[in-house]
Amino acid sequence: MLKNAMEEIVQGIVTVLMSGSDYQIFCKCQQCQEDIIALSLNTLPAHYVTSEKGRTAVFERMNSKENLEWINKRVIQSIYTVGKYPHRS
């Protein structure tokens, strides 16, 4: 198992934010959500793990108020960027 744990964290945050009322005006299609995730991940450090134990350790480290605010800020910036410049067909 080789996985970027940050990708899983960002996917969860994007899912929660896009289903909330604060972002109703933004497109929620699969392509836009993937663009938001990709753009967010390009601004965040990767945290690759090779085991469930490693995944849990990354989640515990990232689960502080400061880290979650830092990640959320980058995801929100990505939502607005993709909303302004969507790549849908």
PDB file of N, CA and C in Angstrom:
ATOM      1  N   MET A   1       0.855  -1.183   0.000  1.00  0.00           N
ATOM      2  CA  MET A   1       0.000   0.000   0.000  1.00  0.00           C
ATOM      3  C   MET A   1       0.896   1.239   0.000  1.00  0.00           C
ATOM      4  N   LEU A   2       0.837   2.010  -1.053  1.00  0.00           N
ATOM      5  CA  LEU A   2       1.520   3.291  -1.126  1.00  0.00           C
ATOM      6  C   LEU A   2       0.453   4.336  -1.377  1.00  0.00           C
ATOM      7  N   LYS A   3       0.269   5.225  -0.427  1.00  0.00           N
ATOM      8  CA  LYS A   3      -0.835   6.187  -0.495  1.00  0.00           C
ATOM      9  C   LYS A   3      -0.403   7.517   0.067  1.00  0.00           C
ATOM     10  N   ASN A   4      -0.861   8.587  -0.575  1.00  0.00           N
ATOM     11  CA  ASN A   4      -0.652   9.931  -0.065  1.00  0.00           C
ATOM     12  C   ASN A   4      -1.800  10.230   0.904  1.00  0.00           C
ATOM     13  N   ALA A   5      -1.518  10.201   2.183  1.00  0.00           N
ATOM     14  CA  ALA A   5      -2.560  10.411   3.191  1.00  0.00           C
ATOM     15  C   ALA A   5      -3.166  11.803   3.075  1.00  0.00           C
ATOM     16  N   MET A   6      -2.380  12.778   2.614  1.00  0.00           N
ATOM     17  CA  MET A   6      -2.908  14.135   2.455  1.00  0.00           C
ATOM     18  C   MET A   6      -4.031  14.147   1.422  1.00  0.00           C
ATOM     19  N   GLU A   7      -3.932  13.302   0.406  1.00  0.00           N
ATOM     20  CA  GLU A   7      -4.982  13.219  -0.606  1.00  0.00           C
ATOM     21  C   GLU A   7      -6.309  12.800   0.031  1.00  0.00           C
ATOM     22  N   GLU A   8      -6.258  11.833   0.898  1.00  0.00           N
ATOM     23  CA  GLU A   8      -7.473  11.368   1.582  1.00  0.00           C
ATOM     24  C   GLU A   8      -8.055  12.474   2.463  1.00  0.00           C
ATOM     25  N   ILE A   9      -7.192  13.199   3.156  1.00  0.00           N
ATOM     26  CA  ILE A   9      -7.646  14.298   4.014  1.00  0.00           C
ATOM     27  C   ILE A   9      -8.320  15.378   3.169  1.00  0.00           C
ATOM     28  N   VAL A  10      -7.672  15.772   2.071  1.00  0.00           N
ATOM     29  CA  VAL A  10      -8.206  16.825   1.208  1.00  0.00           C
ATOM     30  C   VAL A  10      -9.519  16.384   0.571  1.00  0.00           C
ATOM     31  N   GLN A  11      -9.599  15.138   0.108  1.00  0.00           N
ATOM     32  CA  GLN A  11     -10.849  14.647  -0.473  1.00  0.00           C
ATOM     33  C   GLN A  11     -11.997  14.757   0.525  1.00  0.00           C
ATOM     34  N   GLY A  12     -11.741  14.402   1.769  1.00  0.00           N
ATOM     35  CA  GLY A  12     -12.773  14.500   2.800  1.00  0.00           C
ATOM     36  C   GLY A  12     -13.206  15.929   3.043  1.00  0.00           C
ATOM     37  N   ILE A  13     -12.249  16.829   3.105  1.00  0.00           N
ATOM     38  CA  ILE A  13     -12.567  18.244   3.341  1.00  0.00           C
ATOM     39  C   ILE A  13     -13.352  18.815   2.172  1.00  0.00           C
ATOM     40  N   VAL A  14     -12.948  18.500   0.942  1.00  0.00           N
ATOM     41  CA  VAL A  14     -13.670  18.988  -0.237  1.00  0.00           C
ATOM     42  C   VAL A  14     -15.101  18.468  -0.233  1.00  0.00           C
ATOM     43  N   THR A  15     -15.291  17.210   0.077  1.00  0.00           N
ATOM     44  CA  THR A  15     -16.633  16.625   0.123  1.00  0.00           C
ATOM     45  C   THR A  15     -17.507  17.347   1.142  1.00  0.00           C
ATOM     46  N   VAL A  16     -16.962  17.583   2.326  1.00  0.00           N
ATOM     47  CA  VAL A  16     -17.728  18.262   3.382  1.00  0.00           C
ATOM     48  C   VAL A  16     -18.041  19.703   2.983  1.00  0.00           C
ATOM     49  N   LEU A  17     -17.035  20.431   2.528  1.00  0.00           N
ATOM     50  CA  LEU A  17     -17.248  21.839   2.187  1.00  0.00           C
ATOM     51  C   LEU A  17     -18.227  22.002   1.029  1.00  0.00           C
ATOM     52  N   MET A  18     -18.088  21.177  -0.002  1.00  0.00           N
ATOM     53  CA  MET A  18     -18.952  21.317  -1.176  1.00  0.00           C
ATOM     54  C   MET A  18     -20.394  20.891  -0.902  1.00  0.00           C
ATOM     55  N   SER A  19     -20.611  20.114   0.135  1.00  0.00           N
ATOM     56  CA  SER A  19     -21.989  19.726   0.467  1.00  0.00           C
ATOM     57  C   SER A  19     -22.637  20.708   1.436  1.00  0.00           C
ATOM     58  N   GLY A  20     -21.860  21.643   1.949  1.00  0.00           N
ATOM     59  CA  GLY A  20     -22.380  22.634   2.888  1.00  0.00           C
ATOM     60  C   GLY A  20     -23.031  23.814   2.182  1.00  0.00           C
ATOM     61  N   SER A  21     -23.708  24.634   2.941  1.00  0.00           N
ATOM     62  CA  SER A  21     -24.440  25.769   2.379  1.00  0.00           C
ATOM     63  C   SER A  21     -23.536  26.926   1.968  1.00  0.00           C
ATOM     64  N   ASP A  22     -22.315  26.992   2.481  1.00  0.00           N
ATOM     65  CA  ASP A  22     -21.425  28.107   2.162  1.00  0.00           C
ATOM     66  C   ASP A  22     -20.951  28.104   0.712  1.00  0.00           C
ATOM     67  N   TYR A  23     -21.001  26.956   0.048  1.00  0.00           N
ATOM     68  CA  TYR A  23     -20.449  26.844  -1.302  1.00  0.00           C
ATOM     69  C   TYR A  23     -21.492  26.377  -2.316  1.00  0.00           C
ATOM     70  N   GLN A  24     -22.759  26.742  -2.095  1.00  0.00           N
ATOM     71  CA  GLN A  24     -23.843  26.324  -2.983  1.00  0.00           C
ATOM     72  C   GLN A  24     -23.717  26.910  -4.378  1.00  0.00           C
ATOM     73  N   ILE A  25     -23.082  28.073  -4.517  1.00  0.00           N
ATOM     74  CA  ILE A  25     -23.002  28.721  -5.825  1.00  0.00           C
ATOM     75  C   ILE A  25     -21.937  28.097  -6.724  1.00  0.00           C
ATOM     76  N   PHE A  26     -21.100  27.227  -6.175  1.00  0.00           N
ATOM     77  CA  PHE A  26     -20.023  26.618  -6.952  1.00  0.00           C
ATOM     78  C   PHE A  26     -20.483  25.314  -7.587  1.00  0.00           C
ATOM     79  N   CYS A  27     -19.929  25.032  -8.757  1.00  0.00           N
ATOM     80  CA  CYS A  27     -20.236  23.779  -9.457  1.00  0.00           C
ATOM     81  C   CYS A  27     -19.734  22.601  -8.618  1.00  0.00           C
ATOM     82  N   LYS A  28     -20.536  21.572  -8.538  1.00  0.00           N
ATOM     83  CA  LYS A  28     -20.191  20.394  -7.749  1.00  0.00           C
ATOM     84  C   LYS A  28     -19.977  19.165  -8.621  1.00  0.00           C
ATOM     85  N   CYS A  29     -19.777  19.380  -9.924  1.00  0.00           N
ATOM     86  CA  CYS A  29     -19.570  18.238 -10.819  1.00  0.00           C
ATOM     87  C   CYS A  29     -18.261  17.532 -10.447  1.00  0.00           C
ATOM     88  N   GLN A  30     -18.120  16.305 -10.903  1.00  0.00           N
ATOM     89  CA  GLN A  30     -16.955  15.475 -10.588  1.00  0.00           C
ATOM     90  C   GLN A  30     -15.664  16.145 -11.053  1.00  0.00           C
ATOM     91  N   GLN A  31     -15.675  16.724 -12.261  1.00  0.00           N
ATOM     92  CA  GLN A  31     -14.476  17.358 -12.805  1.00  0.00           C
ATOM     93  C   GLN A  31     -14.037  18.539 -11.938  1.00  0.00           C
ATOM     94  N   CYS A  32     -14.967  19.390 -11.536  1.00  0.00           N
ATOM     95  CA  CYS A  32     -14.614  20.547 -10.700  1.00  0.00           C
ATOM     96  C   CYS A  32     -14.097  20.089  -9.337  1.00  0.00           C
ATOM     97  N   GLN A  33     -14.717  19.075  -8.752  1.00  0.00           N
ATOM     98  CA  GLN A  33     -14.233  18.580  -7.464  1.00  0.00           C
ATOM     99  C   GLN A  33     -12.834  17.988  -7.589  1.00  0.00           C
ATOM    100  N   GLU A  34     -12.571  17.268  -8.671  1.00  0.00           N
ATOM    101  CA  GLU A  34     -11.231  16.724  -8.877  1.00  0.00           C
ATOM    102  C   GLU A  34     -10.216  17.836  -9.112  1.00  0.00           C
ATOM    103  N   ASP A  35     -10.629  18.892  -9.839  1.00  0.00           N
ATOM    104  CA  ASP A  35      -9.741  20.040 -10.045  1.00  0.00           C
ATOM    105  C   ASP A  35      -9.417  20.719  -8.713  1.00  0.00           C
ATOM    106  N   ILE A  36     -10.411  20.850  -7.839  1.00  0.00           N
ATOM    107  CA  ILE A  36     -10.199  21.456  -6.518  1.00  0.00           C
ATOM    108  C   ILE A  36      -9.222  20.614  -5.710  1.00  0.00           C
ATOM    109  N   ILE A  37      -9.409  19.311  -5.732  1.00  0.00           N
ATOM    110  CA  ILE A  37      -8.519  18.407  -4.989  1.00  0.00           C
ATOM    111  C   ILE A  37      -7.096  18.505  -5.535  1.00  0.00           C
ATOM    112  N   ALA A  38      -6.952  18.451  -6.860  1.00  0.00           N
ATOM    113  CA  ALA A  38      -5.612  18.503  -7.471  1.00  0.00           C
ATOM    114  C   ALA A  38      -4.928  19.826  -7.163  1.00  0.00           C
ATOM    115  N   LEU A  39      -5.635  20.929  -7.310  1.00  0.00           N
ATOM    116  CA  LEU A  39      -5.048  22.241  -7.038  1.00  0.00           C
ATOM    117  C   LEU A  39      -4.650  22.356  -5.573  1.00  0.00           C
ATOM    118  N   SER A  40      -5.493  21.862  -4.688  1.00  0.00           N
ATOM    119  CA  SER A  40      -5.181  21.887  -3.251  1.00  0.00           C
ATOM    120  C   SER A  40      -3.933  21.068  -2.955  1.00  0.00           C
ATOM    121  N   LEU A  41      -3.870  19.861  -3.523  1.00  0.00           N
ATOM    122  CA  LEU A  41      -2.729  18.983  -3.264  1.00  0.00           C
ATOM    123  C   LEU A  41      -1.429  19.568  -3.806  1.00  0.00           C
ATOM    124  N   ASN A  42      -1.515  20.367  -4.867  1.00  0.00           N
ATOM    125  CA  ASN A  42      -0.314  21.000  -5.405  1.00  0.00           C
ATOM    126  C   ASN A  42       0.227  22.098  -4.493  1.00  0.00           C
ATOM    127  N   THR A  43      -0.577  22.539  -3.533  1.00  0.00           N
ATOM    128  CA  THR A  43      -0.125  23.574  -2.600  1.00  0.00           C
ATOM    129  C   THR A  43       0.190  23.016  -1.219  1.00  0.00           C
ATOM    130  N   LEU A  44       0.003  21.719  -1.043  1.00  0.00           N
ATOM    131  CA  LEU A  44       0.221  21.073   0.256  1.00  0.00           C
ATOM    132  C   LEU A  44       1.320  20.012   0.138  1.00  0.00           C
ATOM    133  N   PRO A  45       2.026  19.743   1.228  1.00  0.00           N
ATOM    134  CA  PRO A  45       3.054  18.694   1.167  1.00  0.00           C
ATOM    135  C   PRO A  45       2.407  17.304   1.117  1.00  0.00           C
ATOM    136  N   ALA A  46       3.051  16.427   0.378  1.00  0.00           N
ATOM    137  CA  ALA A  46       2.587  15.033   0.322  1.00  0.00           C
ATOM    138  C   ALA A  46       3.007  14.322   1.601  1.00  0.00           C
ATOM    139  N   HIS A  47       2.182  13.387   2.028  1.00  0.00           N
ATOM    140  CA  HIS A  47       2.487  12.555   3.198  1.00  0.00           C
ATOM    141  C   HIS A  47       2.221  11.107   2.803  1.00  0.00           C
ATOM    142  N   TYR A  48       3.203  10.509   2.112  1.00  0.00           N
ATOM    143  CA  TYR A  48       3.047   9.132   1.653  1.00  0.00           C
ATOM    144  C   TYR A  48       3.253   8.154   2.797  1.00  0.00           C
ATOM    145  N   VAL A  49       2.411   7.136   2.794  1.00  0.00           N
ATOM    146  CA  VAL A  49       2.494   6.086   3.809  1.00  0.00           C
ATOM    147  C   VAL A  49       2.457   4.727   3.110  1.00  0.00           C
ATOM    148  N   THR A  50       2.946   3.729   3.822  1.00  0.00           N
ATOM    149  CA  THR A  50       2.952   2.378   3.260  1.00  0.00           C
ATOM    150  C   THR A  50       2.179   1.384   4.111  1.00  0.00           C
ATOM    151  N   SER A  51       1.548   1.902   5.175  1.00  0.00           N
ATOM    152  CA  SER A  51       0.794   0.997   6.043  1.00  0.00           C
ATOM    153  C   SER A  51      -0.346   1.763   6.711  1.00  0.00           C
ATOM    154  N   GLU A  52      -1.254   1.001   7.271  1.00  0.00           N
ATOM    155  CA  GLU A  52      -2.360   1.603   8.015  1.00  0.00           C
ATOM    156  C   GLU A  52      -1.835   2.338   9.245  1.00  0.00           C
ATOM    157  N   LYS A  53      -0.796   1.814   9.851  1.00  0.00           N
ATOM    158  CA  LYS A  53      -0.185   2.463  11.015  1.00  0.00           C
ATOM    159  C   LYS A  53       0.374   3.836  10.623  1.00  0.00           C
ATOM    160  N   GLY A  54       1.033   3.913   9.480  1.00  0.00           N
ATOM    161  CA  GLY A  54       1.552   5.188   8.990  1.00  0.00           C
ATOM    162  C   GLY A  54       0.437   6.163   8.672  1.00  0.00           C
ATOM    163  N   ARG A  55      -0.648   5.664   8.069  1.00  0.00           N
ATOM    164  CA  ARG A  55      -1.810   6.500   7.758  1.00  0.00           C
ATOM    165  C   ARG A  55      -2.389   7.086   9.034  1.00  0.00           C
ATOM    166  N   THR A  56      -2.541   6.261  10.043  1.00  0.00           N
ATOM    167  CA  THR A  56      -3.087   6.719  11.324  1.00  0.00           C
ATOM    168  C   THR A  56      -2.192   7.782  11.944  1.00  0.00           C
ATOM    169  N   ALA A  57      -0.880   7.583  11.861  1.00  0.00           N
ATOM    170  CA  ALA A  57       0.064   8.562  12.428  1.00  0.00           C
ATOM    171  C   ALA A  57      -0.059   9.913  11.725  1.00  0.00           C
ATOM    172  N   VAL A  58      -0.190   9.913  10.400  1.00  0.00           N
ATOM    173  CA  VAL A  58      -0.345  11.166   9.654  1.00  0.00           C
ATOM    174  C   VAL A  58      -1.654  11.837  10.043  1.00  0.00           C
ATOM    175  N   PHE A  59      -2.734  11.067  10.120  1.00  0.00           N
ATOM    176  CA  PHE A  59      -4.031  11.638  10.492  1.00  0.00           C
ATOM    177  C   PHE A  59      -3.974  12.242  11.893  1.00  0.00           C
ATOM    178  N   GLU A  60      -3.290  11.607  12.809  1.00  0.00           N
ATOM    179  CA  GLU A  60      -3.172  12.154  14.164  1.00  0.00           C
ATOM    180  C   GLU A  60      -2.375  13.456  14.157  1.00  0.00           C
ATOM    181  N   ARG A  61      -1.295  13.510  13.373  1.00  0.00           N
ATOM    182  CA  ARG A  61      -0.498  14.743  13.276  1.00  0.00           C
ATOM    183  C   ARG A  61      -1.277  15.872  12.632  1.00  0.00           C
ATOM    184  N   MET A  62      -2.037  15.558  11.604  1.00  0.00           N
ATOM    185  CA  MET A  62      -2.774  16.584  10.859  1.00  0.00           C
ATOM    186  C   MET A  62      -4.042  17.025  11.572  1.00  0.00           C
ATOM    187  N   ASN A  63      -4.468  16.293  12.570  1.00  0.00           N
ATOM    188  CA  ASN A  63      -5.738  16.571  13.242  1.00  0.00           C
ATOM    189  C   ASN A  63      -5.596  17.575  14.386  1.00  0.00           C
ATOM    190  N   SER A  64      -4.796  18.604  14.177  1.00  0.00           N
ATOM    191  CA  SER A  64      -4.733  19.695  15.150  1.00  0.00           C
ATOM    192  C   SER A  64      -5.480  20.890  14.562  1.00  0.00           C
ATOM    193  N   LYS A  65      -5.911  21.784  15.409  1.00  0.00           N
ATOM    194  CA  LYS A  65      -6.651  22.956  14.948  1.00  0.00           C
ATOM    195  C   LYS A  65      -5.840  23.741  13.925  1.00  0.00           C
ATOM    196  N   GLU A  66      -4.562  23.947  14.205  1.00  0.00           N
ATOM    197  CA  GLU A  66      -3.704  24.727  13.320  1.00  0.00           C
ATOM    198  C   GLU A  66      -3.549  24.059  11.953  1.00  0.00           C
ATOM    199  N   ASN A  67      -3.283  22.760  11.953  1.00  0.00           N
ATOM    200  CA  ASN A  67      -3.107  22.050  10.686  1.00  0.00           C
ATOM    201  C   ASN A  67      -4.391  22.016   9.872  1.00  0.00           C
ATOM    202  N   LEU A  68      -5.519  21.779  10.521  1.00  0.00           N
ATOM    203  CA  LEU A  68      -6.786  21.736   9.802  1.00  0.00           C
ATOM    204  C   LEU A  68      -7.139  23.106   9.223  1.00  0.00           C
ATOM    205  N   GLU A  69      -6.871  24.172   9.964  1.00  0.00           N
ATOM    206  CA  GLU A  69      -7.109  25.515   9.439  1.00  0.00           C
ATOM    207  C   GLU A  69      -6.218  25.781   8.228  1.00  0.00           C
ATOM    208  N   TRP A  70      -4.965  25.357   8.308  1.00  0.00           N
ATOM    209  CA  TRP A  70      -4.000  25.546   7.229  1.00  0.00           C
ATOM    210  C   TRP A  70      -4.449  24.792   5.975  1.00  0.00           C
ATOM    211  N   ILE A  71      -4.891  23.546   6.144  1.00  0.00           N
ATOM    212  CA  ILE A  71      -5.368  22.751   5.007  1.00  0.00           C
ATOM    213  C   ILE A  71      -6.666  23.347   4.455  1.00  0.00           C
ATOM    214  N   ASN A  72      -7.603  23.686   5.333  1.00  0.00           N
ATOM    215  CA  ASN A  72      -8.877  24.272   4.901  1.00  0.00           C
ATOM    216  C   ASN A  72      -8.657  25.536   4.090  1.00  0.00           C
ATOM    217  N   LYS A  73      -7.718  26.371   4.510  1.00  0.00           N
ATOM    218  CA  LYS A  73      -7.444  27.624   3.807  1.00  0.00           C
ATOM    219  C   LYS A  73      -7.037  27.344   2.365  1.00  0.00           C
ATOM    220  N   ARG A  74      -6.177  26.366   2.159  1.00  0.00           N
ATOM    221  CA  ARG A  74      -5.737  26.024   0.811  1.00  0.00           C
ATOM    222  C   ARG A  74      -6.869  25.410  -0.016  1.00  0.00           C
ATOM    223  N   VAL A  75      -7.697  24.603   0.608  1.00  0.00           N
ATOM    224  CA  VAL A  75      -8.836  24.018  -0.103  1.00  0.00           C
ATOM    225  C   VAL A  75      -9.819  25.119  -0.505  1.00  0.00           C
ATOM    226  N   ILE A  76     -10.100  26.037   0.393  1.00  0.00           N
ATOM    227  CA  ILE A  76     -11.034  27.132   0.094  1.00  0.00           C
ATOM    228  C   ILE A  76     -10.487  28.007  -1.028  1.00  0.00           C
ATOM    229  N   GLN A  77      -9.189  28.300  -1.010  1.00  0.00           N
ATOM    230  CA  GLN A  77      -8.578  29.060  -2.113  1.00  0.00           C
ATOM    231  C   GLN A  77      -8.762  28.314  -3.433  1.00  0.00           C
ATOM    232  N   SER A  78      -8.615  27.005  -3.404  1.00  0.00           N
ATOM    233  CA  SER A  78      -8.776  26.192  -4.612  1.00  0.00           C
ATOM    234  C   SER A  78     -10.221  26.192  -5.089  1.00  0.00           C
ATOM    235  N   ILE A  79     -11.174  26.153  -4.178  1.00  0.00           N
ATOM    236  CA  ILE A  79     -12.600  26.210  -4.554  1.00  0.00           C
ATOM    237  C   ILE A  79     -12.876  27.493  -5.316  1.00  0.00           C
ATOM    238  N   TYR A  80     -12.390  28.611  -4.807  1.00  0.00           N
ATOM    239  CA  TYR A  80     -12.621  29.893  -5.467  1.00  0.00           C
ATOM    240  C   TYR A  80     -11.890  29.975  -6.802  1.00  0.00           C
ATOM    241  N   THR A  81     -10.690  29.445  -6.894  1.00  0.00           N
ATOM    242  CA  THR A  81      -9.942  29.466  -8.150  1.00  0.00           C
ATOM    243  C   THR A  81     -10.638  28.635  -9.210  1.00  0.00           C
ATOM    244  N   VAL A  82     -11.032  27.415  -8.869  1.00  0.00           N
ATOM    245  CA  VAL A  82     -11.728  26.556  -9.828  1.00  0.00           C
ATOM    246  C   VAL A  82     -13.088  27.155 -10.186  1.00  0.00           C
ATOM    247  N   GLY A  83     -13.750  27.769  -9.216  1.00  0.00           N
ATOM    248  CA  GLY A  83     -15.024  28.422  -9.488  1.00  0.00           C
ATOM    249  C   GLY A  83     -14.884  29.570 -10.485  1.00  0.00           C
ATOM    250  N   LYS A  84     -13.760  30.255 -10.414  1.00  0.00           N
ATOM    251  CA  LYS A  84     -13.513  31.389 -11.315  1.00  0.00           C
ATOM    252  C   LYS A  84     -13.052  30.921 -12.692  1.00  0.00           C
ATOM    253  N   TYR A  85     -12.299  29.815 -12.724  1.00  0.00           N
ATOM    254  CA  TYR A  85     -11.744  29.293 -13.976  1.00  0.00           C
ATOM    255  C   TYR A  85     -12.080  27.803 -14.141  1.00  0.00           C
ATOM    256  N   PRO A  86     -13.353  27.449 -14.265  1.00  0.00           N
ATOM    257  CA  PRO A  86     -13.699  26.012 -14.386  1.00  0.00           C
ATOM    258  C   PRO A  86     -13.184  25.441 -15.704  1.00  0.00           C
ATOM    259  N   HIS A  87     -12.845  24.161 -15.703  1.00  0.00           N
ATOM    260  CA  HIS A  87     -12.348  23.481 -16.893  1.00  0.00           C
ATOM    261  C   HIS A  87     -13.370  22.497 -17.448  1.00  0.00           C
ATOM    262  N   ARG A  88     -14.609  22.706 -17.131  1.00  0.00           N
ATOM    263  CA  ARG A  88     -15.648  21.793 -17.633  1.00  0.00           C
ATOM    264  C   ARG A  88     -15.779  21.927 -19.132  1.00  0.00           C
ATOM    265  N   SER A  89     -16.281  20.856 -19.770  1.00  0.00           N
ATOM    266  CA  SER A  89     -16.545  20.916 -21.217  1.00  0.00           C
ATOM    267  C   SER A  89     -17.905  21.508 -21.455  1.00  0.00           C
TER     268      SER A  89
END
